[in-house]
Amino acid sequence: MHAAARAPTRDHLDWPFFDESHRALAAEIDSFVANGGLGDIDHGDADAACRQLVAALGKAGLLRHCVPKAFGGVSEAIDSRALCLLRETLAYADGLADFALAMQGLGTGAISLSGSDALKEKVLPKVARGEWISAFALSEPDAGSDVAAMACAARREGDDFILDGEKTWISNGGIADVYTVFARTGEAPGTRGISAFVVFADTPGFSIAERIEPIAPHPLARIRFDNCRIPASQLLGSPGEGFKIAMRTLDIFRPSVAAAATGFARRALDEAVAHAKSRKMFGATLSDLPTAQSTLGEMATAIDAAALLTCRTAWKRDVQKQPTTREAAMAKMTATENAQWVIDQALQLFGGRGVRVGEITERLYREIRALRIYEGATEVQKLIIGRELMKTR
């Protein structure tokens, strides 16, 4: 396990986006982390670490924020601000801890939105308790940002669907118990002919084709469906609604990606400030140098800009009950890009020590990189923002 995290700053909890329940949640998660709730995380065995973390987060009741109240959750509907606070705090402490919580929500978000009551009852309580691990299977080898190019197909056969094809870059692939899978059913061309399904890991015809090792270790895989038969009751929503379901799910969770990036950035800033105050240089400390002060000032401003966009998005969805497609894209793009820059500046302030394996800056540098790609790369977020802007002008 890496060195214990410093206590994160909580000034933003005073912003009008949050209420007392969110401040209480922040105190709860702070206490959980500070008292060793995450346990001894072995980053050399990401599979075992994620199983351990999911179990710990479930036992602590924190995964209940990933599902609706009727099926073991805390709120009537998934609360975006709660997710953001949880992910920011966990990312500040450890990237795998953030990943473990995030995937429980993303992997079952479509079930919460569009699953039958029977399917929700079967899956969501186990996910909330940390007994099952979930995954979200949308991307393919030739269909990442271009979802319309999806080739994985599902054909109706009586009371069943037969799935054939592959998915890749699937987080929790190889350890998940339940997968939300998107496949082409052909009701219409492009994205209008995609449907969403729930597939359990023990289903005949489902297999792990390849395990993938990213720069910041976490469970990742290419999965395969070969004449994989599932009952039609495991269809989410109606045939052809899969793309809409996927986008609704991503709209809920994109602000939490921004929050996780902000958590990484806050940790980088805090570590940089502490280092600058203690690093002797030219008869003073690094923190006495105007160039260092200027850099730290820019870092703090970049973090607040990202946090404000993130909190606005979650608040608008939770309180105003309005669509947040544009706002979520703005928050995700800004927070992940700003965090990459903030972490790079922190590493620069650490100098040679910053690139040493095992240093917090080195770990953060690896962990932030994927966030600029998954759940919609930065370039895709720009297109979303521009498209939504055209609708209002």
Protein backbone atom coordinates (compact mmCIF):
# COMPACT_ATOMS: atom_id res chain seq x y z
CA MET A 1 0.00 0.00 0.00
CA HIS A 2 1.19 3.51 -0.73
CA ALA A 3 1.81 6.03 2.02
CA ALA A 4 -1.31 7.14 3.82
CA ALA A 5 -3.14 10.02 2.20
CA ARG A 6 -3.22 13.43 3.76
CA ALA A 7 -6.65 14.63 4.85
CA PRO A 8 -8.32 16.34 1.87
CA THR A 9 -9.45 19.93 2.10
CA ARG A 10 -13.20 20.41 2.37
CA ASP A 11 -13.71 24.13 1.64
CA HIS A 12 -15.97 23.34 -1.31
CA LEU A 13 -18.52 21.71 0.98
CA ASP A 14 -19.53 25.24 1.99
CA TRP A 15 -20.60 25.97 -1.57
CA PRO A 16 -24.40 26.20 -2.06
CA PHE A 17 -24.44 23.06 -4.22
CA PHE A 18 -24.36 20.83 -1.13
CA ASP A 19 -26.68 20.28 1.80
CA GLU A 20 -26.21 18.79 5.27
CA SER A 21 -26.61 15.21 4.08
CA HIS A 22 -23.65 15.66 1.74
CA ARG A 23 -21.52 17.20 4.47
CA ALA A 24 -22.39 14.25 6.71
CA LEU A 25 -21.43 11.85 3.93
CA ALA A 26 -18.09 13.63 3.47
CA ALA A 27 -17.38 13.23 7.17
CA GLU A 28 -18.37 9.55 6.99
CA ILE A 29 -16.07 8.74 4.09
CA ASP A 30 -13.22 10.77 5.61
CA SER A 31 -13.53 8.76 8.80
CA PHE A 32 -13.70 5.49 6.87
CA VAL A 33 -10.47 6.24 5.01
CA ALA A 34 -8.64 7.73 8.01
CA ASN A 35 -9.45 4.69 10.16
CA GLY A 36 -8.03 2.22 7.66
CA GLY A 37 -11.29 1.17 6.04
CA LEU A 38 -9.60 0.64 2.69
CA GLY A 39 -7.24 -1.91 4.19
CA ASP A 40 -3.81 -2.80 2.86
CA ILE A 41 -4.17 -2.38 -0.91
CA ASP A 42 -1.86 -4.57 -2.97
CA HIS A 43 -1.45 -2.77 -6.28
CA GLY A 44 0.54 -5.71 -7.59
CA ASP A 45 -2.63 -7.84 -7.64
CA ALA A 46 -5.37 -5.57 -8.98
CA ASP A 47 -7.97 -8.35 -9.15
CA ALA A 48 -7.61 -9.27 -5.48
CA ALA A 49 -7.35 -5.62 -4.46
CA CYS A 50 -10.61 -4.73 -6.22
CA ARG A 51 -12.45 -7.69 -4.71
CA GLN A 52 -11.18 -6.61 -1.29
CA LEU A 53 -12.14 -2.98 -1.86
CA VAL A 54 -15.63 -3.79 -3.14
CA ALA A 55 -16.24 -5.96 -0.08
CA ALA A 56 -14.95 -3.24 2.27
CA LEU A 57 -16.97 -0.47 0.61
CA GLY A 58 -20.06 -2.67 0.67
CA LYS A 59 -19.63 -3.55 4.35
CA ALA A 60 -19.27 0.15 5.17
CA GLY A 61 -22.53 0.92 3.35
CA LEU A 62 -20.87 3.25 0.86
CA LEU A 63 -21.88 1.25 -2.22
CA ARG A 64 -25.51 1.92 -1.33
CA HIS A 65 -25.05 5.29 -3.02
CA CYS A 66 -24.66 3.46 -6.35
CA VAL A 67 -28.22 2.05 -6.48
CA PRO A 68 -31.77 3.39 -5.84
CA LYS A 69 -33.30 3.19 -2.38
CA ALA A 70 -35.95 0.64 -3.40
CA PHE A 71 -33.19 -1.89 -4.08
CA GLY A 72 -30.82 -1.29 -1.19
CA GLY A 73 -29.69 2.27 -1.89
CA VAL A 74 -29.68 5.48 0.12
CA SER A 75 -31.60 7.90 -2.12
CA GLU A 76 -34.77 7.42 -4.15
CA ALA A 77 -32.67 7.95 -7.25
CA ILE A 78 -28.88 7.91 -7.61
CA ASP A 79 -27.59 11.20 -6.17
CA SER A 80 -24.89 12.71 -8.37
CA ARG A 81 -23.47 14.92 -5.63
CA ALA A 82 -23.02 11.96 -3.32
CA LEU A 83 -21.24 10.02 -6.07
CA CYS A 84 -18.98 12.99 -6.71
CA LEU A 85 -18.02 13.35 -3.05
CA LEU A 86 -17.35 9.64 -2.73
CA ARG A 87 -15.23 9.43 -5.86
CA GLU A 88 -13.27 12.60 -5.12
CA THR A 89 -12.38 11.39 -1.63
CA LEU A 90 -11.52 7.86 -2.71
CA ALA A 91 -9.43 9.09 -5.65
CA TYR A 92 -7.55 11.38 -3.28
CA ALA A 93 -6.72 8.34 -1.16
CA ASP A 94 -6.14 5.68 -3.82
CA GLY A 95 -7.08 5.26 -7.47
CA LEU A 96 -8.10 1.61 -7.14
CA ALA A 97 -10.51 2.51 -4.33
CA ASP A 98 -12.17 5.07 -6.58
CA PHE A 99 -12.31 2.55 -9.42
CA ALA A 100 -13.91 -0.11 -7.21
CA LEU A 101 -16.77 2.17 -6.19
CA ALA A 102 -17.26 3.80 -9.58
CA MET A 103 -17.70 0.54 -11.46
CA GLN A 104 -20.38 -0.68 -9.06
CA GLY A 105 -22.45 2.31 -10.15
CA LEU A 106 -21.54 2.46 -13.83
CA GLY A 107 -21.87 -1.28 -14.27
CA THR A 108 -25.43 -1.31 -12.96
CA GLY A 109 -26.59 2.21 -13.83
CA ALA A 110 -28.47 0.97 -16.89
CA ILE A 111 -30.19 -1.68 -14.75
CA SER A 112 -31.28 1.00 -12.28
CA LEU A 113 -32.64 3.09 -15.15
CA SER A 114 -34.26 0.48 -17.39
CA GLY A 115 -34.24 -2.97 -15.81
CA SER A 116 -37.35 -4.87 -14.79
CA ASP A 117 -38.14 -4.98 -11.09
CA ALA A 118 -37.22 -8.68 -11.05
CA LEU A 119 -33.82 -7.94 -12.61
CA LYS A 120 -33.20 -5.02 -10.24
CA GLU A 121 -34.10 -7.20 -7.25
CA LYS A 122 -31.73 -9.91 -8.40
CA VAL A 123 -28.71 -7.68 -9.06
CA LEU A 124 -28.79 -4.33 -7.26
CA PRO A 125 -28.92 -5.41 -3.58
CA LYS A 126 -25.93 -7.73 -4.10
CA VAL A 127 -23.98 -4.93 -5.80
CA ALA A 128 -24.85 -2.52 -2.98
CA ARG A 129 -23.62 -4.99 -0.38
CA GLY A 130 -20.40 -5.65 -2.26
CA GLU A 131 -21.31 -9.29 -2.86
CA TRP A 132 -21.30 -8.97 -6.65
CA ILE A 133 -18.99 -6.98 -8.90
CA SER A 134 -20.38 -5.29 -12.01
CA ALA A 135 -19.09 -4.18 -15.42
CA PHE A 136 -20.21 -1.94 -18.32
CA ALA A 137 -19.49 -3.39 -21.78
CA LEU A 138 -19.90 -0.83 -24.56
CA SER A 139 -16.54 -0.44 -26.37
CA GLU A 140 -15.31 -2.77 -29.10
CA PRO A 141 -12.01 -3.16 -30.98
CA ASP A 142 -13.41 -1.03 -33.84
CA ALA A 143 -16.13 0.86 -31.98
CA GLY A 144 -14.92 3.07 -29.16
CA SER A 145 -15.93 6.69 -29.55
CA ASP A 146 -17.88 5.70 -32.70
CA VAL A 147 -20.60 3.63 -31.06
CA ALA A 148 -22.51 3.40 -34.35
CA ALA A 149 -19.74 1.11 -35.66
CA MET A 150 -20.68 -1.56 -33.09
CA ALA A 151 -20.45 -5.08 -34.49
CA CYS A 152 -21.37 -7.27 -31.50
CA ALA A 153 -24.83 -8.58 -32.38
CA ALA A 154 -27.84 -10.11 -30.66
CA ARG A 155 -30.56 -11.99 -32.54
CA ARG A 156 -33.94 -12.98 -31.19
CA GLU A 157 -34.70 -16.70 -31.03
CA GLY A 158 -38.00 -17.47 -29.34
CA ASP A 159 -37.88 -16.32 -25.73
CA ASP A 160 -34.11 -15.77 -25.88
CA PHE A 161 -31.47 -13.58 -27.46
CA ILE A 162 -28.24 -15.04 -28.91
CA LEU A 163 -25.16 -12.82 -28.54
CA ASP A 164 -22.10 -13.04 -30.76
CA GLY A 165 -19.07 -10.76 -30.89
CA GLU A 166 -16.48 -9.07 -28.71
CA LYS A 167 -16.10 -6.12 -26.36
CA THR A 168 -12.81 -4.63 -25.23
CA TRP A 169 -11.36 -2.24 -22.65
CA ILE A 170 -13.96 -3.61 -20.23
CA SER A 171 -13.22 -2.51 -16.68
CA ASN A 172 -13.73 -5.33 -14.16
CA GLY A 173 -13.54 -7.75 -17.09
CA GLY A 174 -12.45 -11.07 -15.65
CA ILE A 175 -13.70 -10.47 -12.11
CA ALA A 176 -17.26 -9.16 -12.62
CA ASP A 177 -20.28 -11.26 -11.77
CA VAL A 178 -22.67 -9.25 -13.94
CA TYR A 179 -22.14 -7.30 -17.17
CA THR A 180 -24.31 -4.67 -18.85
CA VAL A 181 -23.74 -5.41 -22.54
CA PHE A 182 -24.70 -3.39 -25.60
CA ALA A 183 -25.25 -5.22 -28.89
CA ARG A 184 -26.67 -4.54 -32.34
CA THR A 185 -30.20 -5.87 -32.79
CA GLY A 186 -30.88 -4.11 -36.10
CA GLU A 187 -34.15 -2.26 -35.52
CA ALA A 188 -32.71 0.70 -37.45
CA PRO A 189 -29.36 1.85 -38.87
CA GLY A 190 -26.59 3.22 -36.66
CA THR A 191 -27.16 3.84 -32.97
CA ARG A 192 -30.93 3.31 -33.25
CA GLY A 193 -30.39 -0.40 -33.79
CA ILE A 194 -28.55 -1.12 -30.52
CA SER A 195 -30.05 -2.81 -27.46
CA ALA A 196 -28.86 -3.33 -23.87
CA PHE A 197 -28.70 -6.63 -22.01
CA VAL A 198 -27.64 -8.08 -18.68
CA VAL A 199 -25.25 -11.03 -18.94
CA PHE A 200 -24.06 -13.05 -15.96
CA ALA A 201 -20.46 -14.24 -15.91
CA ASP A 202 -21.41 -17.93 -15.67
CA THR A 203 -23.55 -17.86 -18.84
CA PRO A 204 -22.44 -20.50 -21.41
CA GLY A 205 -20.91 -18.83 -24.46
CA PHE A 206 -19.44 -15.94 -22.46
CA SER A 207 -15.66 -15.93 -21.99
CA ILE A 208 -12.66 -13.75 -21.24
CA ALA A 209 -10.69 -13.52 -24.49
CA GLU A 210 -7.77 -11.51 -23.12
CA ARG A 211 -6.67 -9.75 -19.97
CA ILE A 212 -5.31 -6.25 -20.61
CA GLU A 213 -2.75 -4.52 -18.37
CA PRO A 214 -3.01 -0.69 -18.37
CA ILE A 215 -0.38 1.75 -17.08
CA ALA A 216 -2.32 2.19 -13.84
CA PRO A 217 -3.22 -1.41 -12.93
CA HIS A 218 -6.87 -2.30 -12.62
CA PRO A 219 -8.93 -5.26 -13.89
CA LEU A 220 -9.41 -4.86 -17.64
CA ALA A 221 -10.27 -7.36 -20.36
CA ARG A 222 -11.49 -8.19 -23.84
CA ILE A 223 -14.61 -10.33 -23.55
CA ARG A 224 -16.23 -12.64 -26.10
CA PHE A 225 -19.74 -13.92 -26.82
CA ASP A 226 -20.00 -17.11 -28.86
CA ASN A 227 -23.59 -18.25 -29.36
CA CYS A 228 -24.27 -16.87 -25.87
CA ARG A 229 -27.94 -17.46 -25.08
CA ILE A 230 -29.72 -15.22 -22.57
CA PRO A 231 -33.44 -14.93 -21.77
CA ALA A 232 -35.33 -11.99 -23.24
CA SER A 233 -36.15 -10.96 -19.66
CA GLN A 234 -32.54 -9.73 -19.45
CA LEU A 235 -33.16 -7.09 -22.11
CA LEU A 236 -33.02 -3.57 -20.65
CA GLY A 237 -35.80 -1.33 -21.89
CA SER A 238 -37.09 -2.04 -25.40
CA PRO A 239 -35.19 -3.28 -28.46
CA GLY A 240 -33.30 -0.43 -30.11
CA GLU A 241 -33.13 1.69 -26.94
CA GLY A 242 -29.60 0.62 -25.97
CA PHE A 243 -27.79 3.72 -27.16
CA LYS A 244 -30.19 6.02 -25.30
CA ILE A 245 -29.78 3.91 -22.17
CA ALA A 246 -25.99 4.03 -22.49
CA MET A 247 -25.98 7.82 -22.90
CA ARG A 248 -28.35 8.32 -19.95
CA THR A 249 -26.05 6.15 -17.84
CA LEU A 250 -22.96 8.07 -18.91
CA ASP A 251 -24.68 11.41 -18.23
CA ILE A 252 -25.16 10.28 -14.61
CA PHE A 253 -21.59 9.11 -14.13
CA ARG A 254 -19.54 11.59 -16.19
CA PRO A 255 -19.65 14.24 -13.44
CA SER A 256 -18.25 11.64 -11.05
CA VAL A 257 -15.33 11.04 -13.44
CA ALA A 258 -14.66 14.77 -13.17
CA ALA A 259 -14.84 14.47 -9.39
CA ALA A 260 -12.34 11.62 -9.38
CA ALA A 261 -9.96 13.68 -11.52
CA THR A 262 -10.37 16.55 -9.08
CA GLY A 263 -9.52 14.20 -6.21
CA PHE A 264 -6.30 13.19 -7.96
CA ALA A 265 -5.50 16.86 -8.60
CA ARG A 266 -6.18 17.90 -4.99
CA ARG A 267 -3.82 15.17 -3.77
CA ALA A 268 -1.15 16.35 -6.20
CA LEU A 269 -1.51 19.96 -5.04
CA ASP A 270 -1.38 19.06 -1.36
CA GLU A 271 1.70 16.90 -1.86
CA ALA A 272 3.34 19.65 -3.91
CA VAL A 273 2.68 22.30 -1.26
CA ALA A 274 4.07 20.07 1.50
CA HIS A 275 7.13 19.29 -0.60
CA ALA A 276 7.71 22.93 -1.51
CA LYS A 277 7.61 23.95 2.16
CA SER A 278 10.19 21.37 3.18
CA ARG A 279 12.54 21.33 0.17
CA LYS A 280 15.69 23.36 0.93
CA MET A 281 16.92 25.35 -2.03
CA PHE A 282 19.22 28.35 -2.54
CA GLY A 283 19.35 29.15 1.16
CA ALA A 284 15.58 29.09 1.55
CA THR A 285 12.80 26.64 0.65
CA LEU A 286 11.20 25.89 -2.70
CA SER A 287 8.00 27.53 -1.47
CA ASP A 288 9.85 30.85 -1.07
CA LEU A 289 10.59 31.03 -4.78
CA PRO A 290 8.15 33.20 -6.80
CA THR A 291 8.13 30.70 -9.65
CA ALA A 292 6.98 27.92 -7.34
CA GLN A 293 4.34 30.15 -5.75
CA SER A 294 3.06 31.09 -9.22
CA THR A 295 2.82 27.46 -10.28
CA LEU A 296 1.00 26.46 -7.10
CA GLY A 297 -1.41 29.36 -7.59
CA GLU A 298 -2.25 28.21 -11.11
CA MET A 299 -2.71 24.65 -9.88
CA ALA A 300 -5.17 25.72 -7.17
CA THR A 301 -7.15 27.84 -9.64
CA ALA A 302 -7.37 25.00 -12.17
CA ILE A 303 -8.73 22.70 -9.45
CA ASP A 304 -11.40 25.16 -8.33
CA ALA A 305 -12.49 25.78 -11.93
CA ALA A 306 -12.96 22.05 -12.43
CA ALA A 307 -14.70 21.59 -9.08
CA LEU A 308 -17.19 24.38 -9.80
CA LEU A 309 -18.16 22.89 -13.15
CA THR A 310 -18.48 19.45 -11.57
CA CYS A 311 -20.62 20.61 -8.65
CA ARG A 312 -22.85 22.68 -10.95
CA THR A 313 -23.53 19.64 -13.12
CA ALA A 314 -24.37 17.32 -10.23
CA TRP A 315 -26.54 19.99 -8.56
CA LYS A 316 -28.45 20.71 -11.77
CA ARG A 317 -29.23 17.03 -12.21
CA ASP A 318 -30.13 16.37 -8.56
CA VAL A 319 -31.99 19.55 -7.68
CA GLN A 320 -33.26 21.06 -10.93
CA LYS A 321 -33.94 17.62 -12.46
CA GLN A 322 -32.75 18.94 -15.82
CA PRO A 323 -30.73 17.25 -18.57
CA THR A 324 -27.01 17.81 -18.07
CA THR A 325 -25.46 16.41 -21.23
CA ARG A 326 -23.60 19.63 -22.04
CA GLU A 327 -22.67 20.41 -18.46
CA ALA A 328 -21.43 16.87 -17.82
CA ALA A 329 -19.24 17.05 -20.92
CA MET A 330 -17.82 20.42 -19.83
CA ALA A 331 -17.06 19.12 -16.36
CA LYS A 332 -15.51 15.87 -17.55
CA MET A 333 -13.35 17.59 -20.17
CA THR A 334 -12.18 20.42 -17.92
CA ALA A 335 -11.55 18.35 -14.80
CA THR A 336 -9.58 15.60 -16.51
CA GLU A 337 -7.49 17.96 -18.63
CA ASN A 338 -6.83 20.28 -15.68
CA ALA A 339 -5.93 17.37 -13.43
CA GLN A 340 -3.42 16.06 -15.97
CA TRP A 341 -1.77 19.49 -16.03
CA VAL A 342 -1.86 19.90 -12.23
CA ILE A 343 -0.27 16.49 -11.66
CA ASP A 344 2.39 17.21 -14.28
CA GLN A 345 3.25 20.47 -12.49
CA ALA A 346 3.41 18.67 -9.15
CA LEU A 347 5.79 16.12 -10.60
CA GLN A 348 7.93 18.93 -12.00
CA LEU A 349 8.13 20.55 -8.57
CA PHE A 350 9.29 17.24 -7.10
CA GLY A 351 12.08 17.10 -9.68
CA GLY A 352 13.88 13.78 -10.10
CA ARG A 353 12.14 12.32 -7.08
CA GLY A 354 8.80 12.80 -8.85
CA VAL A 355 9.42 10.13 -11.47
CA ARG A 356 10.65 7.45 -9.08
CA VAL A 357 8.38 4.39 -9.02
CA GLY A 358 6.40 4.37 -5.80
CA GLU A 359 6.31 8.14 -5.34
CA ILE A 360 2.82 9.62 -5.09
CA THR A 361 3.42 11.91 -8.08
CA GLU A 362 4.49 8.96 -10.23
CA ARG A 363 1.36 7.01 -9.27
CA LEU A 364 -0.94 9.98 -9.89
CA TYR A 365 0.72 10.61 -13.24
CA ARG A 366 -0.22 7.10 -14.36
CA GLU A 367 -3.67 7.09 -12.79
CA ILE A 368 -4.95 10.32 -14.33
CA ARG A 369 -4.12 9.45 -17.91
CA ALA A 370 -6.99 7.04 -18.58
CA LEU A 371 -9.61 9.48 -17.29
CA ARG A 372 -9.04 11.68 -20.34
CA ILE A 373 -10.16 8.75 -22.51
CA TYR A 374 -12.76 6.58 -20.77
CA GLU A 375 -16.47 7.48 -20.68
CA GLY A 376 -15.83 9.66 -23.70
CA ALA A 377 -12.44 11.05 -24.72
CA THR A 378 -11.80 14.78 -24.44
CA GLU A 379 -12.28 15.19 -28.19
CA VAL A 380 -15.72 13.58 -27.93
CA GLN A 381 -16.67 15.87 -25.06
CA LYS A 382 -15.86 18.87 -27.25
CA LEU A 383 -18.16 17.54 -29.96
CA ILE A 384 -20.95 16.95 -27.43
CA ILE A 385 -20.62 20.50 -26.10
CA GLY A 386 -20.68 21.96 -29.61
CA ARG A 387 -23.67 19.84 -30.66
CA GLU A 388 -25.65 20.80 -27.56
CA LEU A 389 -24.74 24.45 -28.06
CA MET A 390 -26.20 24.40 -31.58
CA LYS A 391 -29.52 23.24 -30.13
CA THR A 392 -29.83 26.36 -27.96
CA ARG A 393 -28.69 29.08 -30.39
